[in-house]
């Protein structure tokens, strides 16, 4: 592929991701029961872009990948720079993972469904994955391996399958400009037992039966794949949101603005969904075409080349959209070289020889509980006997989540009591466990475990997000054990 074409598509994909994210924010969580009614949409960033969780997690990863000259950062590295840089504007499964890190729990345990109740449904597997597809054009298996290294910090199970689905689609979009062909590649990356295969078949069938009636497809999706009565489990879950992304791509049929408009109107976590849609169609469209585009109403897409950091500590304050994209280009060149590709000149045009991969399943669905208790037993005992506040608190948290608290409490009663008191002082963790803001089955099950172990719900004056953003609010929380 000519270098100019690869760069153009990487820049187009990243710009599409940012447009979907930031232009989608006004529609986020606004259309749950019923769809939206956006009729005309003109992509624009008249004041430039700014960091938001749809793109800034990946931005942090990209900067660290460049710094360390590797696409596969270790779990210890991820743990360390999350604690340094990701300290505000974090939600849901990512917030839960971040608070677990305060206990010294490291990835991938922070994204394990046993320890993180959000991890089995949260959409972090998809909206934190797109940039990894951009850095592996034509190499969907490589894109998935890289993506899973980072998305499983906060998710597992079927959400990890969405990482494979969308990284494969984005990687394939560099080579194909037909939406259905790109979608076929994504399906091949899914585990054969993934429920997403059936969901995608349904969306395709409904689209075929209702080619102009997207609202009917949206209704069918909502009615079949709502899981917990429309609560956060549905609004923030992978089923409805993955379905919305696939439907928006099919109804948008390769047109950038139309595809994003459908992503907005399908609703639920619309900015995340539009970011994924925008990445895929942005790759197929390319940056030059997007920047020189006039819509049917002859309105220019006004886009200022700025990426303002408003969220992440110890990160650049002078980033641009193209500068961000060029970091991804640099990483692509490194990945391509590691995979056996090279730079070549043909007919006086500089390009890349890319070792093309077929899309395939990289991570199968697996039970995360198998042998986990025995593998962590020595760590739990060591933590309880350590005399260290953090280690003891972590031991209690792990033991309770593993339904093993009674045996440790019986065997080490004095240390267990002290460790529980230590854990009760980690107010962010306990406020997450006993959250009043959210109600879903996995969280209720975790609350039951902690209640049976003797913990009670804290009574904070503020929500966990307010506490997180203003650490002075809670000076010395009362013990809840």
Protein backbone atom coordinates (compact mmCIF):
# COMPACT_ATOMS: atom_id res chain seq x y z
CA UNK A 1 0.00 0.00 0.00
CA UNK A 2 1.34 3.49 -0.82
CA UNK A 3 2.47 5.28 2.31
CA UNK A 4 0.22 8.26 1.56
CA UNK A 5 -2.82 5.96 1.45
CA UNK A 6 -2.00 4.26 4.75
CA UNK A 7 -1.42 7.60 6.49
CA UNK A 8 -4.62 9.01 4.98
CA UNK A 9 -6.69 6.11 6.27
CA UNK A 10 -5.15 6.13 9.75
CA UNK A 11 -5.80 9.86 10.02
CA UNK A 12 -9.31 9.40 8.65
CA UNK A 13 -10.07 6.65 11.14
CA UNK A 14 -8.86 8.66 14.11
CA UNK A 15 -10.71 11.80 12.98
CA UNK A 16 -13.84 9.69 12.52
CA UNK A 17 -13.44 8.28 16.01
CA UNK A 18 -13.09 11.76 17.52
CA UNK A 19 -16.02 13.18 15.53
CA UNK A 20 -18.26 10.29 16.55
CA UNK A 21 -17.27 10.69 20.17
CA UNK A 22 -17.55 14.46 20.56
CA UNK A 23 -20.43 15.08 18.15
CA UNK A 24 -22.19 12.16 19.83
CA UNK A 25 -21.95 13.53 23.37
CA UNK A 26 -25.24 15.50 23.16
CA UNK A 27 -27.00 12.21 22.38
CA UNK A 28 -25.32 10.05 25.02
CA UNK A 29 -27.86 8.13 27.16
CA UNK A 30 -30.68 10.31 25.76
CA UNK A 31 -32.52 7.69 23.69
CA UNK A 32 -33.07 4.51 25.66
CA UNK A 33 -36.67 3.39 25.30
CA UNK A 34 -37.27 5.28 22.07
CA UNK A 35 -34.82 6.31 19.32
CA UNK A 36 -33.55 9.79 18.59
CA UNK A 37 -34.73 12.02 15.77
CA UNK A 38 -31.60 13.60 14.33
CA UNK A 39 -32.42 14.50 10.70
CA UNK A 40 -29.50 16.59 9.47
CA UNK A 41 -25.97 16.12 10.72
CA UNK A 42 -22.87 17.98 9.59
CA UNK A 43 -19.62 16.69 11.14
CA UNK A 44 -17.73 19.53 12.78
CA UNK A 45 -15.17 20.44 15.42
CA UNK A 46 -15.18 24.24 15.18
CA UNK A 47 -13.14 24.62 18.38
CA UNK A 48 -11.03 21.55 17.80
CA UNK A 49 -11.22 18.31 19.77
CA UNK A 50 -10.63 17.60 23.43
CA UNK A 51 -9.77 14.47 25.37
CA UNK A 52 -12.67 12.27 26.44
CA UNK A 53 -12.74 8.67 27.63
CA UNK A 54 -13.63 7.39 24.16
CA UNK A 55 -10.17 8.41 22.94
CA UNK A 56 -7.96 9.43 25.85
CA UNK A 57 -7.34 5.96 27.30
CA UNK A 58 -5.96 4.94 23.92
CA UNK A 59 -4.00 8.18 23.72
CA UNK A 60 -2.24 7.33 26.99
CA UNK A 61 -1.48 3.85 25.70
CA UNK A 62 -0.20 5.17 22.36
CA UNK A 63 2.18 7.62 24.04
CA UNK A 64 3.54 4.87 26.30
CA UNK A 65 3.90 2.44 23.39
CA UNK A 66 5.98 5.03 21.56
CA UNK A 67 8.05 5.79 24.62
CA UNK A 68 8.82 2.11 25.26
CA UNK A 69 9.03 1.14 21.57
CA UNK A 70 6.65 -1.78 22.00
CA UNK A 71 2.98 -2.30 21.18
CA UNK A 72 2.59 -4.76 24.09
CA UNK A 73 3.11 -3.00 27.40
CA UNK A 74 3.29 -5.22 30.48
CA UNK A 75 0.60 -5.40 33.13
CA UNK A 76 2.96 -3.75 35.61
CA UNK A 77 3.55 -0.84 33.23
CA UNK A 78 -0.19 -0.44 32.65
CA UNK A 79 -0.84 -0.54 36.40
CA UNK A 80 1.78 2.13 37.09
CA UNK A 81 0.73 4.66 34.48
CA UNK A 82 -2.98 4.21 35.17
CA UNK A 83 -2.30 5.27 38.75
CA UNK A 84 -0.22 8.20 37.54
CA UNK A 85 -2.39 9.48 34.70
CA UNK A 86 -5.95 8.17 34.88
CA UNK A 87 -7.37 9.92 37.92
CA UNK A 88 -10.54 11.72 36.81
CA UNK A 89 -13.41 11.45 34.35
CA UNK A 90 -13.50 7.67 34.64
CA UNK A 91 -16.74 5.70 34.73
CA UNK A 92 -18.34 2.28 35.09
CA UNK A 93 -15.96 -0.65 34.58
CA UNK A 94 -12.93 1.59 34.09
CA UNK A 95 -13.67 3.42 37.34
CA UNK A 96 -14.07 0.12 39.14
CA UNK A 97 -10.77 -1.14 37.71
CA UNK A 98 -9.02 2.07 38.72
CA UNK A 99 -10.20 1.84 42.32
CA UNK A 100 -9.10 -1.80 42.51
CA UNK A 101 -5.63 -0.56 41.62
CA UNK A 102 -5.65 1.46 44.84
CA UNK A 103 -5.72 -1.93 46.58
CA UNK A 104 -2.74 -3.06 44.55
CA UNK A 105 -4.85 -5.32 42.31
CA UNK A 106 -3.25 -5.36 38.86
CA UNK A 107 -4.48 -6.18 35.36
CA UNK A 108 -5.86 -8.51 34.19
CA UNK A 109 -7.52 -9.15 37.59
CA UNK A 110 -8.96 -5.62 37.44
CA UNK A 111 -11.01 -6.77 34.45
CA UNK A 112 -11.88 -10.18 35.80
CA UNK A 113 -15.62 -10.72 36.19
CA UNK A 114 -15.13 -12.19 39.67
CA UNK A 115 -13.50 -9.03 41.00
CA UNK A 116 -15.14 -6.39 38.78
CA UNK A 117 -18.94 -6.75 38.50
CA UNK A 118 -19.06 -4.51 35.41
CA UNK A 119 -16.59 -6.62 33.45
CA UNK A 120 -19.04 -9.13 31.99
CA UNK A 121 -21.14 -6.57 30.10
CA UNK A 122 -19.46 -3.14 29.97
CA UNK A 123 -18.72 -1.65 26.54
CA UNK A 124 -15.13 -0.79 27.43
CA UNK A 125 -14.13 -3.71 25.21
CA UNK A 126 -15.32 -1.83 22.15
CA UNK A 127 -14.92 1.89 22.72
CA UNK A 128 -11.35 1.47 24.00
CA UNK A 129 -10.32 -0.73 21.08
CA UNK A 130 -10.55 1.30 17.88
CA UNK A 131 -7.06 2.81 17.82
CA UNK A 132 -5.51 -0.65 18.03
CA UNK A 133 -7.27 -1.58 14.80
CA UNK A 134 -5.83 1.56 13.21
CA UNK A 135 -2.26 0.59 14.04
CA UNK A 136 -2.51 -2.83 12.36
CA UNK A 137 -3.88 -2.32 8.82
CA UNK A 138 -4.59 -5.63 7.15
CA UNK A 139 -3.45 -7.51 10.27
CA UNK A 140 -6.66 -8.26 12.20
CA UNK A 141 -5.17 -10.94 14.45
CA UNK A 142 -2.36 -8.62 15.49
CA UNK A 143 -4.89 -5.82 16.06
CA UNK A 144 -6.94 -8.08 18.32
CA UNK A 145 -3.93 -9.24 20.37
CA UNK A 146 -2.83 -5.68 20.96
CA UNK A 147 -6.37 -4.50 21.72
CA UNK A 148 -7.06 -7.31 24.19
CA UNK A 149 -3.87 -6.51 26.07
CA UNK A 150 -5.46 -3.19 27.02
CA UNK A 151 -9.25 -3.64 27.01
CA UNK A 152 -9.05 -6.60 29.41
CA UNK A 153 -7.81 -4.18 32.05
CA UNK A 154 -11.53 -3.56 32.63
CA UNK A 155 -13.55 -6.27 30.83
CA UNK A 156 -13.69 -9.98 30.09
CA UNK A 157 -15.97 -12.56 28.48
CA UNK A 158 -18.25 -11.36 25.66
CA UNK A 159 -17.02 -7.75 25.93
CA UNK A 160 -13.56 -9.08 25.03
CA UNK A 161 -15.16 -10.61 21.95
CA UNK A 162 -16.28 -7.13 20.91
CA UNK A 163 -12.62 -6.08 20.98
CA UNK A 164 -11.87 -8.83 18.45
CA UNK A 165 -14.93 -7.94 16.37
CA UNK A 166 -14.16 -4.26 15.96
CA UNK A 167 -10.37 -4.38 15.72
CA UNK A 168 -10.79 -6.93 12.91
CA UNK A 169 -13.34 -4.71 11.15
CA UNK A 170 -11.15 -1.62 11.41
CA UNK A 171 -8.05 -3.50 10.26
CA UNK A 172 -9.97 -4.92 7.29
CA UNK A 173 -11.44 -1.52 6.34
CA UNK A 174 -7.98 -0.52 5.08
CA UNK A 175 -8.39 -3.12 2.33
CA UNK A 176 -12.13 -3.19 1.68
CA UNK A 177 -14.73 -0.47 1.14
CA UNK A 178 -17.86 -2.63 1.37
CA UNK A 179 -19.53 -2.58 4.79
CA UNK A 180 -20.75 -6.17 4.60
CA UNK A 181 -17.31 -7.47 3.65
CA UNK A 182 -15.81 -5.61 6.58
CA UNK A 183 -18.50 -7.03 8.87
CA UNK A 184 -17.81 -10.56 7.60
CA UNK A 185 -14.19 -10.14 8.70
CA UNK A 186 -15.32 -9.08 12.17
CA UNK A 187 -17.57 -12.12 12.52
CA UNK A 188 -14.67 -14.44 11.62
CA UNK A 189 -12.75 -13.00 14.59
CA UNK A 190 -15.44 -14.05 17.07
CA UNK A 191 -15.38 -17.24 19.09
CA UNK A 192 -17.79 -19.74 17.57
CA UNK A 193 -19.73 -19.77 20.82
CA UNK A 194 -20.07 -16.00 21.09
CA UNK A 195 -23.65 -14.76 21.33
CA UNK A 196 -22.56 -11.82 19.17
CA UNK A 197 -22.75 -14.06 16.12
CA UNK A 198 -26.48 -14.49 16.64
CA UNK A 199 -26.94 -10.80 17.41
CA UNK A 200 -25.19 -9.80 14.17
CA UNK A 201 -27.28 -12.33 12.20
CA UNK A 202 -30.40 -10.76 13.69
CA UNK A 203 -29.35 -7.21 12.78
CA UNK A 204 -28.55 -8.27 9.23
CA UNK A 205 -31.87 -10.09 8.92
CA UNK A 206 -33.85 -7.15 10.32
CA UNK A 207 -32.01 -4.72 8.04
CA UNK A 208 -32.79 -6.88 5.02
CA UNK A 209 -36.47 -7.07 5.99
CA UNK A 210 -36.64 -3.33 6.80
CA UNK A 211 -34.10 -1.65 4.47
CA UNK A 212 -35.60 1.83 4.96
CA UNK A 213 -37.29 1.39 8.35
CA UNK A 214 -34.39 1.64 10.79
CA UNK A 215 -36.77 2.39 13.65
CA UNK A 216 -38.31 -1.08 13.29
CA UNK A 217 -34.87 -2.67 13.48
CA UNK A 218 -34.11 -0.60 16.55
CA UNK A 219 -37.35 -1.76 18.21
CA UNK A 220 -36.59 -5.40 17.44
CA UNK A 221 -33.08 -5.00 18.87
CA UNK A 222 -34.37 -3.36 22.06
CA UNK A 223 -37.11 -5.93 22.61
CA UNK A 224 -34.92 -9.00 22.09
CA UNK A 225 -31.64 -7.93 23.67
CA UNK A 226 -32.62 -5.86 26.70
CA UNK A 227 -31.38 -7.82 29.69
CA UNK A 228 -32.34 -6.09 32.92
CA UNK A 229 -35.35 -3.93 32.32
CA UNK A 230 -33.57 -0.96 30.81
CA UNK A 231 -31.24 -0.23 33.76
CA UNK A 232 -27.53 0.54 33.41
CA UNK A 233 -26.86 -3.10 32.45
CA UNK A 234 -28.73 -2.40 29.19
CA UNK A 235 -27.74 1.19 28.55
CA UNK A 236 -24.03 0.46 29.13
CA UNK A 237 -24.03 -3.16 28.00
CA UNK A 238 -22.48 -4.67 24.90
CA UNK A 239 -25.63 -6.29 23.44
CA UNK A 240 -27.71 -3.21 22.60
CA UNK A 241 -24.72 -1.03 21.87
CA UNK A 242 -22.95 -3.55 19.62
CA UNK A 243 -26.24 -4.06 17.80
CA UNK A 244 -26.61 -0.31 17.38
CA UNK A 245 -23.12 -0.04 15.85
CA UNK A 246 -23.77 -2.83 13.33
CA UNK A 247 -27.15 -1.37 12.40
CA UNK A 248 -25.73 2.15 11.97
CA UNK A 249 -23.07 0.79 9.61
CA UNK A 250 -25.62 -1.11 7.54
CA UNK A 251 -28.12 1.74 7.31
CA UNK A 252 -25.36 4.28 6.72
CA UNK A 253 -24.01 2.15 3.84
CA UNK A 254 -20.55 3.69 3.82
CA UNK A 255 -21.63 7.33 3.98
CA UNK A 256 -19.82 8.97 6.89
CA UNK A 257 -22.40 11.51 8.05
CA UNK A 258 -25.34 9.14 7.51
CA UNK A 259 -23.63 6.37 9.46
CA UNK A 260 -22.96 8.64 12.44
CA UNK A 261 -26.48 10.05 12.30
CA UNK A 262 -27.85 6.52 12.65
CA UNK A 263 -25.44 5.83 15.51
CA UNK A 264 -26.81 8.90 17.32
CA UNK A 265 -30.44 7.92 16.67
CA UNK A 266 -30.10 4.30 17.76
CA UNK A 267 -29.18 5.79 21.13
CA UNK A 268 -28.05 4.18 24.37
CA UNK A 269 -24.32 4.98 24.79
CA UNK A 270 -24.45 6.89 21.52
CA UNK A 271 -21.12 8.72 21.67
CA UNK A 272 -19.21 5.47 22.20
CA UNK A 273 -21.12 3.78 19.40
CA UNK A 274 -20.62 6.69 17.02
CA UNK A 275 -16.89 6.69 17.79
CA UNK A 276 -16.62 3.06 16.66
CA UNK A 277 -18.79 3.66 13.60
CA UNK A 278 -16.78 6.79 12.78
CA UNK A 279 -13.49 4.90 12.97
CA UNK A 280 -14.59 2.21 10.52
CA UNK A 281 -16.18 4.56 7.99
CA UNK A 282 -13.41 7.11 8.55
CA UNK A 283 -10.82 4.55 7.42
CA UNK A 284 -12.85 3.75 4.32
CA UNK A 285 -13.39 7.46 3.56
CA UNK A 286 -9.91 8.78 4.33
CA UNK A 287 -8.74 12.02 5.91
CA UNK A 288 -8.29 14.08 2.75
CA UNK A 289 -11.79 13.41 1.54
CA UNK A 290 -13.24 14.18 4.96
CA UNK A 291 -11.38 17.48 5.25
CA UNK A 292 -12.41 18.55 1.74
CA UNK A 293 -16.00 17.42 2.06
CA UNK A 294 -19.09 19.50 1.44
CA UNK A 295 -22.38 18.01 2.54
CA UNK A 296 -25.54 18.15 0.35
CA UNK A 297 -26.38 21.52 1.86
CA UNK A 298 -22.96 22.88 0.82
CA UNK A 299 -21.89 23.31 4.39
CA UNK A 300 -18.19 22.82 4.98
CA UNK A 301 -17.08 20.36 7.64
CA UNK A 302 -15.31 22.84 9.91
CA UNK A 303 -12.62 20.89 11.75
CA UNK A 304 -9.83 22.57 13.74
CA UNK A 305 -6.71 20.46 14.15
CA UNK A 306 -6.46 20.47 17.94
CA UNK A 307 -6.67 17.78 20.63
CA UNK A 308 -6.86 19.58 23.95
CA UNK A 309 -5.98 17.60 27.08
CA UNK A 310 -8.61 18.20 29.75
CA UNK A 311 -8.62 14.78 31.41
CA UNK A 312 -5.29 12.99 31.74
CA UNK A 313 -2.51 13.82 34.20
CA UNK A 314 1.11 14.11 33.05
CA UNK A 315 0.22 14.00 29.37
CA UNK A 316 1.00 16.50 26.58
CA UNK A 317 -0.95 19.74 26.60
CA UNK A 318 -0.23 20.68 22.98
CA UNK A 319 -1.50 17.63 21.08
CA UNK A 320 -3.25 17.88 17.70
CA UNK A 321 -5.53 15.42 15.92
CA UNK A 322 -2.96 14.84 13.19
CA UNK A 323 -0.18 14.63 15.79
CA UNK A 324 -2.14 11.91 17.61
CA UNK A 325 -2.69 10.11 14.29
CA UNK A 326 0.98 10.36 13.36
CA UNK A 327 1.85 8.62 16.62
CA UNK A 328 -0.35 5.75 15.42
CA UNK A 329 1.43 5.80 12.04
CA UNK A 330 4.75 5.46 13.86
CA UNK A 331 3.43 2.47 15.80
CA UNK A 332 2.06 0.88 12.63
CA UNK A 333 5.52 1.06 11.07
CA UNK A 334 7.01 -0.61 14.15
CA UNK A 335 4.32 -3.35 14.22
CA UNK A 336 4.60 -3.94 10.48
CA UNK A 337 8.36 -4.35 10.79
CA UNK A 338 7.99 -6.75 13.73
CA UNK A 339 5.53 -8.84 11.70
CA UNK A 340 7.91 -9.12 8.76
CA UNK A 341 6.69 -6.19 6.67
CA UNK A 342 8.90 -3.52 5.22
CA UNK A 343 9.08 -0.19 3.42
CA UNK A 344 9.40 -0.51 -0.37
CA UNK A 345 9.48 1.71 -3.44
CA UNK A 346 7.45 0.77 -6.51
CA UNK A 347 7.21 2.99 -9.59
CA UNK A 348 8.87 5.77 -7.61
CA UNK A 349 6.14 5.60 -4.95
CA UNK A 350 7.10 4.80 -1.34
CA UNK A 351 4.83 2.27 0.29
CA UNK A 352 4.57 -0.62 2.71
CA UNK A 353 4.69 -4.33 2.13
CA UNK A 354 2.24 -5.60 4.75
CA UNK A 355 2.03 -9.27 5.82
CA UNK A 356 -1.73 -9.67 5.44
CA UNK A 357 -3.53 -11.84 8.01
CA UNK A 358 -6.86 -13.60 7.76
CA UNK A 359 -9.30 -12.63 10.51
CA UNK A 360 -9.50 -15.35 13.14
CA UNK A 361 -10.34 -15.83 16.82
CA UNK A 362 -7.45 -14.80 19.03
CA UNK A 363 -9.17 -15.18 22.40
CA UNK A 364 -11.82 -17.81 23.00
CA UNK A 365 -14.58 -17.51 25.53
CA UNK A 366 -13.30 -19.04 28.73
CA UNK A 367 -14.21 -19.48 32.35
CA UNK A 368 -12.27 -16.97 34.40
CA UNK A 369 -13.05 -18.74 37.69
CA UNK A 370 -11.29 -22.01 36.91
CA UNK A 371 -8.39 -22.55 39.30
CA UNK A 372 -8.43 -18.87 40.27
CA UNK A 373 -9.01 -19.54 43.96
CA UNK A 374 -6.08 -21.95 44.26
CA UNK A 375 -3.77 -19.71 42.24
CA UNK A 376 -4.41 -16.75 44.55
CA UNK A 377 -4.43 -18.65 47.86
CA UNK A 378 -0.78 -17.96 48.68
CA UNK A 379 -1.18 -14.26 47.84
CA UNK A 380 -4.21 -13.98 50.13
CA UNK A 381 -2.46 -15.68 53.04
CA UNK A 382 0.69 -13.63 52.52
CA UNK A 383 -1.37 -10.46 52.45
CA UNK A 384 -3.29 -11.29 55.63
CA UNK A 385 -0.07 -12.02 57.53
CA UNK A 386 1.91 -9.12 56.10
CA UNK A 387 0.90 -6.42 58.59
CA UNK A 388 0.73 -4.00 55.63
CA UNK A 389 -2.51 -2.05 55.31
CA UNK A 390 -2.84 -2.30 51.52
CA UNK A 391 -1.82 -5.95 51.31
CA UNK A 392 -4.22 -6.97 54.07
CA UNK A 393 -7.12 -5.03 52.55
CA UNK A 394 -6.44 -6.56 49.14
CA UNK A 395 -6.40 -10.06 50.64
CA UNK A 396 -9.83 -9.54 52.17
CA UNK A 397 -11.28 -8.18 48.93
CA UNK A 398 -9.99 -11.13 46.91
CA UNK A 399 -11.15 -13.69 49.45
CA UNK A 400 -14.68 -12.31 49.63
CA UNK A 401 -15.03 -12.15 45.85
CA UNK A 402 -13.87 -15.78 45.66
CA UNK A 403 -16.45 -16.88 48.27
CA UNK A 404 -13.61 -17.95 50.56
CA UNK A 405 -13.96 -15.47 53.40
CA UNK A 406 -15.23 -17.97 55.99
CA UNK A 407 -12.21 -20.25 55.75
CA UNK A 408 -9.73 -17.38 56.08
CA UNK A 409 -11.73 -15.75 58.86
CA UNK A 410 -11.72 -19.05 60.77
CA UNK A 411 -8.04 -19.76 60.18
CA UNK A 412 -6.71 -16.24 60.80
CA UNK A 413 -9.38 -14.52 62.98
CA UNK A 414 -7.19 -11.74 64.39
CA UNK A 415 -5.56 -10.84 61.10
CA UNK A 416 -8.89 -11.11 59.26
CA UNK A 417 -10.58 -8.61 61.57
CA UNK A 418 -7.73 -6.14 61.22
CA UNK A 419 -7.66 -6.61 57.43
CA UNK A 420 -11.41 -5.95 57.18
CA UNK A 421 -10.99 -2.72 59.10
CA UNK A 422 -8.23 -1.72 56.70
CA UNK A 423 -10.43 -2.48 53.67
CA UNK A 424 -13.30 -0.44 55.10
CA UNK A 425 -11.04 2.62 54.93
CA UNK A 426 -10.70 2.33 51.15
CA UNK A 427 -13.80 4.43 50.60
CA UNK A 428 -13.63 4.48 46.80
CA UNK A 429 -13.59 0.69 46.63
CA UNK A 430 -16.36 0.28 49.18
CA UNK A 431 -18.46 3.03 47.62
CA UNK A 432 -18.22 1.14 44.35
CA UNK A 433 -19.18 -2.16 45.96
CA UNK A 434 -22.21 -0.66 47.69
CA UNK A 435 -23.13 1.80 44.94
CA UNK A 436 -26.59 3.32 45.20
CA UNK A 437 -26.30 4.83 41.73
CA UNK A 438 -26.44 1.54 39.87
CA UNK A 439 -28.45 -1.64 40.14
CA UNK A 440 -27.63 -4.79 38.18
CA UNK A 441 -27.41 -8.50 38.96
CA UNK A 442 -23.63 -8.89 39.18
CA UNK A 443 -23.34 -5.90 41.50
CA UNK A 444 -26.17 -7.14 43.72
CA UNK A 445 -24.39 -10.49 43.99
CA UNK A 446 -21.16 -8.78 45.02
CA UNK A 447 -23.00 -6.67 47.61
CA UNK A 448 -24.50 -9.85 49.05
CA UNK A 449 -21.03 -11.37 49.42
CA UNK A 450 -19.70 -8.34 51.27
CA UNK A 451 -22.77 -8.10 53.47
CA UNK A 452 -22.41 -11.75 54.44
CA UNK A 453 -18.77 -11.05 55.32
CA UNK A 454 -19.88 -8.36 57.78
CA UNK A 455 -19.57 -5.16 55.75
CA UNK A 456 -22.32 -2.58 55.55
CA UNK A 457 -23.13 0.13 53.09
CA UNK A 458 -21.27 3.42 53.58
CA UNK A 459 -23.35 6.56 53.80
CA UNK A 460 -21.36 9.19 51.90
CA UNK A 461 -22.59 12.70 51.34
CA UNK A 462 -21.50 12.63 47.72
CA UNK A 463 -21.57 10.24 44.76
CA UNK A 464 -18.49 8.19 44.01
CA UNK A 465 -17.71 10.31 40.95
CA UNK A 466 -17.83 13.51 43.06
CA UNK A 467 -15.62 11.86 45.63
CA UNK A 468 -13.21 10.80 42.94
CA UNK A 469 -13.01 14.27 41.42
CA UNK A 470 -12.65 16.05 44.74
CA UNK A 471 -10.52 14.06 47.13
CA UNK A 472 -10.82 16.67 49.85
CA UNK A 473 -14.53 15.91 50.25
CA UNK A 474 -13.89 12.82 52.36
CA UNK A 475 -11.06 13.32 54.81
CA UNK A 476 -11.48 10.35 57.12
CA UNK A 477 -14.42 8.08 56.28
CA UNK A 478 -16.10 6.16 59.03
CA UNK A 479 -15.32 2.49 59.28
CA UNK A 480 -18.02 0.30 57.77
CA UNK A 481 -16.89 -3.04 59.15
